[in-house]
Amino acid sequence: MAGIIVDSELWIRRYHSLPAGGEERIGLVCFPHAGGSASYFHALSGLLSPAVEVLAVQYPGRQDRRAEAPADDLQELASGVIAALEPWADRPLAYFGHSMGALVAFEAARRLPPQVLFVSGRRAPSTHRPEAFHLLDDDGLVAETEALSGTDARLLADPEMRELILPPLRADYRAIETYSPDADAVVETPLEALLGDRDPRVTEEEARAWSAHTTGEFALNVFPGGGHFYLSDQDYAADLAALITRRVARPAR
């Protein structure tokens, strides 16, 4: 997908308008989790507006893009996002990726460095756990999703909704579990790792390992009591928005 023109309106969603003269304000490109969509960041967009404009990524194969085949290659997703960001290439940008989105954001940052990269709810690429969730049958994949509270259980119980949700979810897990970056893959941008301390998929040690993947500043931010989807909680979301706003306003040392 790299090097070709993509439809930016399909890939990038903006939920809150900038005030007059706000075109120079920083844009926060938000990369969703496995099975997630751009709308997951609607609430965060409201909390950050108007200081920061959220540019939420809509991966193919979900919601209004459900007629498209989902991508099952993480590098392909990253290249697609970078192509879609061309209209904002002259604006200051930061990247925020949650779970799978952290890896997509990392690869995007290797192609087009942002002012700061936020990686949330995902262990560093240099850490490894033997996982093959994409090979589970449908019931197994549903059980994994429910365990992380990533999708409303009522939707997963509806056969028609499952038929829409599971193909892109399985493709996303395949993208994560077949992702194999260079051992020395780094970005040259400041990197902030974030996680809830009750996340069953990421330990503090695994999150801290992101420090080996940047030549810039590194910080680890832990949300006490937060699970894998800590940012879905209103209280954590407010703290997250405050952290992002402070960080993007501070120049790198």
C-alpha atoms as a PDB file:
ATOM      1  CA  MET A   1       0.000   0.000   0.000  1.00  0.00           C
ATOM      2  CA  ALA A   2       2.970   2.295   0.498  1.00  0.00           C
ATOM      3  CA  GLY A   3       3.465   4.822  -2.268  1.00  0.00           C
ATOM      4  CA  ILE A   4      -0.124   4.759  -3.568  1.00  0.00           C
ATOM      5  CA  ILE A   5      -2.865   7.325  -3.081  1.00  0.00           C
ATOM      6  CA  VAL A   6      -5.608   6.442  -0.602  1.00  0.00           C
ATOM      7  CA  ASP A   7      -8.855   8.204   0.261  1.00  0.00           C
ATOM      8  CA  SER A   8      -8.038  10.217   3.390  1.00  0.00           C
ATOM      9  CA  GLU A   9     -11.726  10.646   4.239  1.00  0.00           C
ATOM     10  CA  LEU A  10     -12.103   6.871   4.476  1.00  0.00           C
ATOM     11  CA  TRP A  11      -9.101   6.488   6.775  1.00  0.00           C
ATOM     12  CA  ILE A  12      -9.219   9.591   8.995  1.00  0.00           C
ATOM     13  CA  ARG A  13     -12.179  10.811  11.102  1.00  0.00           C
ATOM     14  CA  ARG A  14     -12.466  14.199  12.807  1.00  0.00           C
ATOM     15  CA  TYR A  15     -15.158  14.573  15.458  1.00  0.00           C
ATOM     16  CA  HIS A  16     -14.702  18.122  16.753  1.00  0.00           C
ATOM     17  CA  SER A  17     -14.119  21.203  14.615  1.00  0.00           C
ATOM     18  CA  LEU A  18     -11.145  23.458  15.144  1.00  0.00           C
ATOM     19  CA  PRO A  19     -11.822  27.080  16.071  1.00  0.00           C
ATOM     20  CA  ALA A  20     -11.030  29.748  13.499  1.00  0.00           C
ATOM     21  CA  GLY A  21      -7.285  29.975  13.031  1.00  0.00           C
ATOM     22  CA  GLY A  22      -6.710  26.633  14.759  1.00  0.00           C
ATOM     23  CA  GLU A  23      -5.151  24.870  11.776  1.00  0.00           C
ATOM     24  CA  GLU A  24      -1.695  25.066  13.352  1.00  0.00           C
ATOM     25  CA  ARG A  25      -2.756  23.216  16.498  1.00  0.00           C
ATOM     26  CA  ILE A  26      -1.282  19.785  16.976  1.00  0.00           C
ATOM     27  CA  GLY A  27      -3.183  16.819  15.585  1.00  0.00           C
ATOM     28  CA  LEU A  28      -3.266  13.571  17.563  1.00  0.00           C
ATOM     29  CA  VAL A  29      -3.496  10.589  15.217  1.00  0.00           C
ATOM     30  CA  CYS A  30      -5.293   7.821  17.146  1.00  0.00           C
ATOM     31  CA  PHE A  31      -4.820   4.167  16.169  1.00  0.00           C
ATOM     32  CA  PRO A  32      -7.497   1.718  17.461  1.00  0.00           C
ATOM     33  CA  HIS A  33      -7.099  -1.661  19.120  1.00  0.00           C
ATOM     34  CA  ALA A  34      -7.803  -5.038  17.491  1.00  0.00           C
ATOM     35  CA  GLY A  35     -11.432  -5.105  16.409  1.00  0.00           C
ATOM     36  CA  GLY A  36     -11.713  -1.401  17.215  1.00  0.00           C
ATOM     37  CA  SER A  37     -12.785   1.537  15.097  1.00  0.00           C
ATOM     38  CA  ALA A  38     -12.226   5.276  14.883  1.00  0.00           C
ATOM     39  CA  SER A  39     -15.341   5.991  16.963  1.00  0.00           C
ATOM     40  CA  TYR A  40     -13.600   4.516  20.016  1.00  0.00           C
ATOM     41  CA  PHE A  41     -11.775   7.846  20.292  1.00  0.00           C
ATOM     42  CA  HIS A  42     -14.846  10.092  20.063  1.00  0.00           C
ATOM     43  CA  ALA A  43     -14.915  10.752  23.816  1.00  0.00           C
ATOM     44  CA  LEU A  44     -11.165  11.431  23.957  1.00  0.00           C
ATOM     45  CA  SER A  45     -11.565  13.853  21.059  1.00  0.00           C
ATOM     46  CA  GLY A  46     -14.119  15.815  23.078  1.00  0.00           C
ATOM     47  CA  LEU A  47     -11.847  15.917  26.120  1.00  0.00           C
ATOM     48  CA  LEU A  48      -8.865  17.177  24.095  1.00  0.00           C
ATOM     49  CA  SER A  49     -10.729  19.701  21.944  1.00  0.00           C
ATOM     50  CA  PRO A  50      -9.965  22.459  21.097  1.00  0.00           C
ATOM     51  CA  ALA A  51      -6.347  22.337  22.329  1.00  0.00           C
ATOM     52  CA  VAL A  52      -5.600  19.140  20.392  1.00  0.00           C
ATOM     53  CA  GLU A  53      -7.464  17.838  17.345  1.00  0.00           C
ATOM     54  CA  VAL A  54      -7.989  14.069  17.231  1.00  0.00           C
ATOM     55  CA  LEU A  55      -7.507  12.435  13.829  1.00  0.00           C
ATOM     56  CA  ALA A  56      -8.961   8.981  14.455  1.00  0.00           C
ATOM     57  CA  VAL A  57      -7.935   6.144  12.127  1.00  0.00           C
ATOM     58  CA  GLN A  58     -10.623   3.937  10.581  1.00  0.00           C
ATOM     59  CA  TYR A  59      -9.100   0.639   9.490  1.00  0.00           C
ATOM     60  CA  PRO A  60     -10.681  -1.152   6.500  1.00  0.00           C
ATOM     61  CA  GLY A  61     -13.250  -3.867   7.162  1.00  0.00           C
ATOM     62  CA  ARG A  62     -15.321  -2.248   9.922  1.00  0.00           C
ATOM     63  CA  GLN A  63     -18.327   0.042  10.382  1.00  0.00           C
ATOM     64  CA  ASP A  64     -18.765   2.106   7.202  1.00  0.00           C
ATOM     65  CA  ARG A  65     -15.743   0.325   5.659  1.00  0.00           C
ATOM     66  CA  ARG A  66     -17.148  -3.169   6.290  1.00  0.00           C
ATOM     67  CA  ALA A  67     -17.454  -3.877   2.546  1.00  0.00           C
ATOM     68  CA  GLU A  68     -13.650  -3.711   2.277  1.00  0.00           C
ATOM     69  CA  ALA A  69     -11.418  -6.653   3.092  1.00  0.00           C
ATOM     70  CA  PRO A  70      -9.705  -6.169   6.465  1.00  0.00           C
ATOM     71  CA  ALA A  71      -5.915  -5.928   6.355  1.00  0.00           C
ATOM     72  CA  ASP A  72      -4.099  -8.745   8.116  1.00  0.00           C
ATOM     73  CA  ASP A  73      -0.626  -7.215   7.786  1.00  0.00           C
ATOM     74  CA  LEU A  74       0.491  -4.586  10.274  1.00  0.00           C
ATOM     75  CA  GLN A  75       3.012  -3.007   7.913  1.00  0.00           C
ATOM     76  CA  GLU A  76       0.271  -2.603   5.302  1.00  0.00           C
ATOM     77  CA  LEU A  77      -1.928  -0.822   7.826  1.00  0.00           C
ATOM     78  CA  ALA A  78       0.874   1.551   8.822  1.00  0.00           C
ATOM     79  CA  SER A  79       1.613   2.402   5.205  1.00  0.00           C
ATOM     80  CA  GLY A  80      -2.070   3.041   4.528  1.00  0.00           C
ATOM     81  CA  VAL A  81      -2.334   5.443   7.453  1.00  0.00           C
ATOM     82  CA  ILE A  82       0.759   7.384   6.398  1.00  0.00           C
ATOM     83  CA  ALA A  83      -0.612   7.758   2.868  1.00  0.00           C
ATOM     84  CA  ALA A  84      -3.929   8.956   4.298  1.00  0.00           C
ATOM     85  CA  LEU A  85      -2.198  11.587   6.451  1.00  0.00           C
ATOM     86  CA  GLU A  86      -0.869  13.463   3.426  1.00  0.00           C
ATOM     87  CA  PRO A  87      -3.384  16.363   3.844  1.00  0.00           C
ATOM     88  CA  TRP A  88      -1.977  16.964   7.344  1.00  0.00           C
ATOM     89  CA  ALA A  89       1.696  16.526   6.426  1.00  0.00           C
ATOM     90  CA  ASP A  90       2.445  20.216   7.037  1.00  0.00           C
ATOM     91  CA  ARG A  91       0.890  20.221  10.542  1.00  0.00           C
ATOM     92  CA  PRO A  92       2.504  19.163  13.825  1.00  0.00           C
ATOM     93  CA  LEU A  93       1.342  15.647  14.670  1.00  0.00           C
ATOM     94  CA  ALA A  94       1.521  13.263  17.615  1.00  0.00           C
ATOM     95  CA  TYR A  95       0.535   9.578  17.497  1.00  0.00           C
ATOM     96  CA  PHE A  96      -1.491   7.626  20.060  1.00  0.00           C
ATOM     97  CA  GLY A  97      -1.969   3.885  19.587  1.00  0.00           C
ATOM     98  CA  HIS A  98      -3.821   1.553  21.926  1.00  0.00           C
ATOM     99  CA  SER A  99      -3.123  -2.197  22.081  1.00  0.00           C
ATOM    100  CA  MET A 100      -2.676  -3.327  18.439  1.00  0.00           C
ATOM    101  CA  GLY A 101      -2.813   0.363  17.539  1.00  0.00           C
ATOM    102  CA  ALA A 102       0.406   0.927  19.500  1.00  0.00           C
ATOM    103  CA  LEU A 103       2.271  -1.322  17.067  1.00  0.00           C
ATOM    104  CA  VAL A 104       0.655   0.313  14.023  1.00  0.00           C
ATOM    105  CA  ALA A 105       1.543   3.745  15.440  1.00  0.00           C
ATOM    106  CA  PHE A 106       5.131   2.606  16.057  1.00  0.00           C
ATOM    107  CA  GLU A 107       5.504   1.452  12.453  1.00  0.00           C
ATOM    108  CA  ALA A 108       3.865   4.666  11.237  1.00  0.00           C
ATOM    109  CA  ALA A 109       6.373   6.636  13.322  1.00  0.00           C
ATOM    110  CA  ARG A 110       9.223   4.812  11.590  1.00  0.00           C
ATOM    111  CA  ARG A 111       7.855   6.110   8.283  1.00  0.00           C
ATOM    112  CA  LEU A 112       6.729   9.615   9.318  1.00  0.00           C
ATOM    113  CA  PRO A 113       8.075  10.663  12.740  1.00  0.00           C
ATOM    114  CA  PRO A 114       5.604  12.526  14.972  1.00  0.00           C
ATOM    115  CA  GLN A 115       6.485  15.053  17.664  1.00  0.00           C
ATOM    116  CA  VAL A 116       5.716  12.414  20.301  1.00  0.00           C
ATOM    117  CA  LEU A 117       4.549   8.791  20.184  1.00  0.00           C
ATOM    118  CA  PHE A 118       2.142   7.418  22.812  1.00  0.00           C
ATOM    119  CA  VAL A 119       1.951   3.603  23.021  1.00  0.00           C
ATOM    120  CA  SER A 120      -0.842   2.343  25.261  1.00  0.00           C
ATOM    121  CA  GLY A 121      -1.782  -1.105  26.529  1.00  0.00           C
ATOM    122  CA  ARG A 122       0.817  -2.978  24.497  1.00  0.00           C
ATOM    123  CA  ARG A 123       4.106  -4.613  25.335  1.00  0.00           C
ATOM    124  CA  ALA A 124       7.221  -3.583  23.432  1.00  0.00           C
ATOM    125  CA  PRO A 125       8.051  -5.302  20.120  1.00  0.00           C
ATOM    126  CA  SER A 126      11.232  -6.734  21.665  1.00  0.00           C
ATOM    127  CA  THR A 127       9.196  -8.716  24.204  1.00  0.00           C
ATOM    128  CA  HIS A 128       7.443 -11.910  23.215  1.00  0.00           C
ATOM    129  CA  ARG A 129       4.571 -14.105  24.351  1.00  0.00           C
ATOM    130  CA  PRO A 130       3.563 -17.188  22.352  1.00  0.00           C
ATOM    131  CA  GLU A 131       0.057 -16.261  21.221  1.00  0.00           C
ATOM    132  CA  ALA A 132      -2.103 -17.495  18.356  1.00  0.00           C
ATOM    133  CA  PHE A 133      -5.543 -16.068  19.065  1.00  0.00           C
ATOM    134  CA  HIS A 134      -6.217 -15.674  15.352  1.00  0.00           C
ATOM    135  CA  LEU A 135      -6.229 -19.470  15.043  1.00  0.00           C
ATOM    136  CA  LEU A 136      -9.002 -19.920  17.631  1.00  0.00           C
ATOM    137  CA  ASP A 137     -12.475 -20.920  16.519  1.00  0.00           C
ATOM    138  CA  ASP A 138     -15.197 -18.269  16.689  1.00  0.00           C
ATOM    139  CA  ASP A 139     -16.257 -19.135  20.243  1.00  0.00           C
ATOM    140  CA  GLY A 140     -12.642 -18.989  21.416  1.00  0.00           C
ATOM    141  CA  LEU A 141     -12.092 -15.615  19.798  1.00  0.00           C
ATOM    142  CA  VAL A 142     -15.289 -14.282  21.377  1.00  0.00           C
ATOM    143  CA  ALA A 143     -14.149 -15.551  24.793  1.00  0.00           C
ATOM    144  CA  GLU A 144     -10.801 -13.773  24.409  1.00  0.00           C
ATOM    145  CA  THR A 145     -12.533 -10.535  23.483  1.00  0.00           C
ATOM    146  CA  GLU A 146     -14.960 -10.771  26.386  1.00  0.00           C
ATOM    147  CA  ALA A 147     -12.081 -11.431  28.795  1.00  0.00           C
ATOM    148  CA  LEU A 148     -10.551  -8.080  27.869  1.00  0.00           C
ATOM    149  CA  SER A 149     -13.921  -6.252  27.860  1.00  0.00           C
ATOM    150  CA  GLY A 150     -13.100  -4.831  24.453  1.00  0.00           C
ATOM    151  CA  THR A 151     -16.509  -5.357  22.823  1.00  0.00           C
ATOM    152  CA  ASP A 152     -20.011  -5.166  24.251  1.00  0.00           C
ATOM    153  CA  ALA A 153     -21.008  -8.740  25.149  1.00  0.00           C
ATOM    154  CA  ARG A 154     -24.520  -8.085  23.831  1.00  0.00           C
ATOM    155  CA  LEU A 155     -23.111  -7.477  20.353  1.00  0.00           C
ATOM    156  CA  LEU A 156     -21.075 -10.669  20.467  1.00  0.00           C
ATOM    157  CA  ALA A 157     -24.192 -12.610  21.486  1.00  0.00           C
ATOM    158  CA  ASP A 158     -26.060 -11.442  18.380  1.00  0.00           C
ATOM    159  CA  PRO A 159     -25.322 -13.832  15.443  1.00  0.00           C
ATOM    160  CA  GLU A 160     -25.623 -11.072  12.823  1.00  0.00           C
ATOM    161  CA  MET A 161     -23.291  -8.758  14.721  1.00  0.00           C
ATOM    162  CA  ARG A 162     -20.786 -11.562  15.301  1.00  0.00           C
ATOM    163  CA  GLU A 163     -20.704 -12.100  11.557  1.00  0.00           C
ATOM    164  CA  LEU A 164     -19.649  -8.457  11.130  1.00  0.00           C
ATOM    165  CA  ILE A 165     -17.273  -8.249  14.080  1.00  0.00           C
ATOM    166  CA  LEU A 166     -15.270 -11.468  13.890  1.00  0.00           C
ATOM    167  CA  PRO A 167     -13.632 -11.248  10.422  1.00  0.00           C
ATOM    168  CA  PRO A 168     -11.853  -7.903  11.040  1.00  0.00           C
ATOM    169  CA  LEU A 169     -11.071  -8.962  14.613  1.00  0.00           C
ATOM    170  CA  ARG A 170      -9.435 -12.176  13.424  1.00  0.00           C
ATOM    171  CA  ALA A 171      -7.511 -10.271  10.731  1.00  0.00           C
ATOM    172  CA  ASP A 172      -6.274  -7.822  13.371  1.00  0.00           C
ATOM    173  CA  TYR A 173      -5.047 -10.630  15.614  1.00  0.00           C
ATOM    174  CA  ARG A 174      -3.316 -12.207  12.633  1.00  0.00           C
ATOM    175  CA  ALA A 175      -1.620  -8.877  11.921  1.00  0.00           C
ATOM    176  CA  ILE A 176      -0.386  -8.631  15.521  1.00  0.00           C
ATOM    177  CA  GLU A 177       0.725 -12.226  15.847  1.00  0.00           C
ATOM    178  CA  THR A 178       2.608 -12.340  12.541  1.00  0.00           C
ATOM    179  CA  TYR A 179       4.277  -8.953  13.084  1.00  0.00           C
ATOM    180  CA  SER A 180       8.028  -9.397  13.158  1.00  0.00           C
ATOM    181  CA  PRO A 181       9.942  -6.113  13.325  1.00  0.00           C
ATOM    182  CA  ASP A 182      13.690  -5.766  13.079  1.00  0.00           C
ATOM    183  CA  ALA A 183      15.338  -6.609  16.389  1.00  0.00           C
ATOM    184  CA  ASP A 184      16.809  -3.109  16.556  1.00  0.00           C
ATOM    185  CA  ALA A 185      13.685  -1.249  15.342  1.00  0.00           C
ATOM    186  CA  VAL A 186      13.663   2.254  16.841  1.00  0.00           C
ATOM    187  CA  VAL A 187      12.110   5.657  16.332  1.00  0.00           C
ATOM    188  CA  GLU A 188      13.878   8.953  16.867  1.00  0.00           C
ATOM    189  CA  THR A 189      10.927  10.608  18.570  1.00  0.00           C
ATOM    190  CA  PRO A 190      10.037  10.924  22.272  1.00  0.00           C
ATOM    191  CA  LEU A 191       8.030   7.901  23.375  1.00  0.00           C
ATOM    192  CA  GLU A 192       5.485   7.654  26.199  1.00  0.00           C
ATOM    193  CA  ALA A 193       4.287   4.201  27.244  1.00  0.00           C
ATOM    194  CA  LEU A 194       0.961   3.923  29.109  1.00  0.00           C
ATOM    195  CA  LEU A 195      -0.862   1.044  30.779  1.00  0.00           C
ATOM    196  CA  GLY A 196      -3.317   0.106  33.493  1.00  0.00           C
ATOM    197  CA  ASP A 197      -1.588  -1.825  36.261  1.00  0.00           C
ATOM    198  CA  ARG A 198      -4.253  -4.566  36.083  1.00  0.00           C
ATOM    199  CA  ASP A 199      -3.800  -5.200  32.377  1.00  0.00           C
ATOM    200  CA  PRO A 200      -3.614  -8.996  31.878  1.00  0.00           C
ATOM    201  CA  ARG A 201      -1.774  -8.592  28.572  1.00  0.00           C
ATOM    202  CA  VAL A 202       1.025  -6.195  29.593  1.00  0.00           C
ATOM    203  CA  THR A 203       3.314  -6.043  32.615  1.00  0.00           C
ATOM    204  CA  GLU A 204       5.168  -2.899  33.689  1.00  0.00           C
ATOM    205  CA  GLU A 205       8.421  -4.596  32.679  1.00  0.00           C
ATOM    206  CA  GLU A 206       7.060  -5.319  29.185  1.00  0.00           C
ATOM    207  CA  ALA A 207       5.844  -1.728  28.846  1.00  0.00           C
ATOM    208  CA  ARG A 208       9.149  -0.316  30.100  1.00  0.00           C
ATOM    209  CA  ALA A 209      10.911  -2.309  27.378  1.00  0.00           C
ATOM    210  CA  TRP A 210       9.623   0.300  24.900  1.00  0.00           C
ATOM    211  CA  SER A 211      12.558   2.429  26.092  1.00  0.00           C
ATOM    212  CA  ALA A 212      14.815   0.314  23.865  1.00  0.00           C
ATOM    213  CA  HIS A 213      12.794   1.348  20.812  1.00  0.00           C
ATOM    214  CA  THR A 214      13.477   5.067  20.832  1.00  0.00           C
ATOM    215  CA  THR A 215      16.578   7.221  20.673  1.00  0.00           C
ATOM    216  CA  GLY A 216      14.549  10.076  22.174  1.00  0.00           C
ATOM    217  CA  GLU A 217      13.081  10.668  25.620  1.00  0.00           C
ATOM    218  CA  PHE A 218      11.125   7.864  27.269  1.00  0.00           C
ATOM    219  CA  ALA A 219       8.540   7.857  30.053  1.00  0.00           C
ATOM    220  CA  LEU A 220       6.295   5.157  31.523  1.00  0.00           C
ATOM    221  CA  ASN A 221       2.854   6.173  32.789  1.00  0.00           C
ATOM    222  CA  VAL A 222       0.874   3.688  34.907  1.00  0.00           C
ATOM    223  CA  PHE A 223      -2.826   4.110  35.726  1.00  0.00           C
ATOM    224  CA  PRO A 224      -3.470   2.438  39.115  1.00  0.00           C
ATOM    225  CA  GLY A 225      -6.389   0.018  39.024  1.00  0.00           C
ATOM    226  CA  GLY A 226      -6.809   0.266  35.268  1.00  0.00           C
ATOM    227  CA  GLY A 227      -7.378  -2.773  33.069  1.00  0.00           C
ATOM    228  CA  HIS A 228      -6.553  -3.304  29.412  1.00  0.00           C
ATOM    229  CA  PHE A 229      -9.201  -0.786  28.346  1.00  0.00           C
ATOM    230  CA  TYR A 230      -8.501   1.701  31.146  1.00  0.00           C
ATOM    231  CA  LEU A 231      -9.135   4.625  28.775  1.00  0.00           C
ATOM    232  CA  SER A 232     -12.792   3.604  28.384  1.00  0.00           C
ATOM    233  CA  ASP A 233     -13.368   4.662  31.991  1.00  0.00           C
ATOM    234  CA  GLN A 234     -14.383   8.319  32.276  1.00  0.00           C
ATOM    235  CA  ASP A 235     -12.023   9.048  35.173  1.00  0.00           C
ATOM    236  CA  TYR A 236      -9.002   7.493  33.476  1.00  0.00           C
ATOM    237  CA  ALA A 237      -9.914   9.186  30.186  1.00  0.00           C
ATOM    238  CA  ALA A 238      -9.845  12.607  31.852  1.00  0.00           C
ATOM    239  CA  ASP A 239      -6.416  11.878  33.336  1.00  0.00           C
ATOM    240  CA  LEU A 240      -5.199  10.586  29.988  1.00  0.00           C
ATOM    241  CA  ALA A 241      -6.408  13.713  28.183  1.00  0.00           C
ATOM    242  CA  ALA A 242      -4.622  15.901  30.731  1.00  0.00           C
ATOM    243  CA  LEU A 243      -1.411  13.893  30.314  1.00  0.00           C
ATOM    244  CA  ILE A 244      -1.561  14.131  26.519  1.00  0.00           C
ATOM    245  CA  THR A 245      -2.279  17.861  26.588  1.00  0.00           C
ATOM    246  CA  ARG A 246       0.661  18.531  28.920  1.00  0.00           C
ATOM    247  CA  ARG A 247       3.021  16.329  26.923  1.00  0.00           C
ATOM    248  CA  VAL A 248       2.294  17.718  23.468  1.00  0.00           C
ATOM    249  CA  ALA A 249       2.707  21.238  24.841  1.00  0.00           C
ATOM    250  CA  ARG A 250       6.182  20.453  26.170  1.00  0.00           C
ATOM    251  CA  PRO A 251       9.050  20.568  23.688  1.00  0.00           C
ATOM    252  CA  ALA A 252      11.436  17.630  23.628  1.00  0.00           C
ATOM    253  CA  ARG A 253      14.731  18.103  25.407  1.00  0.00           C
END
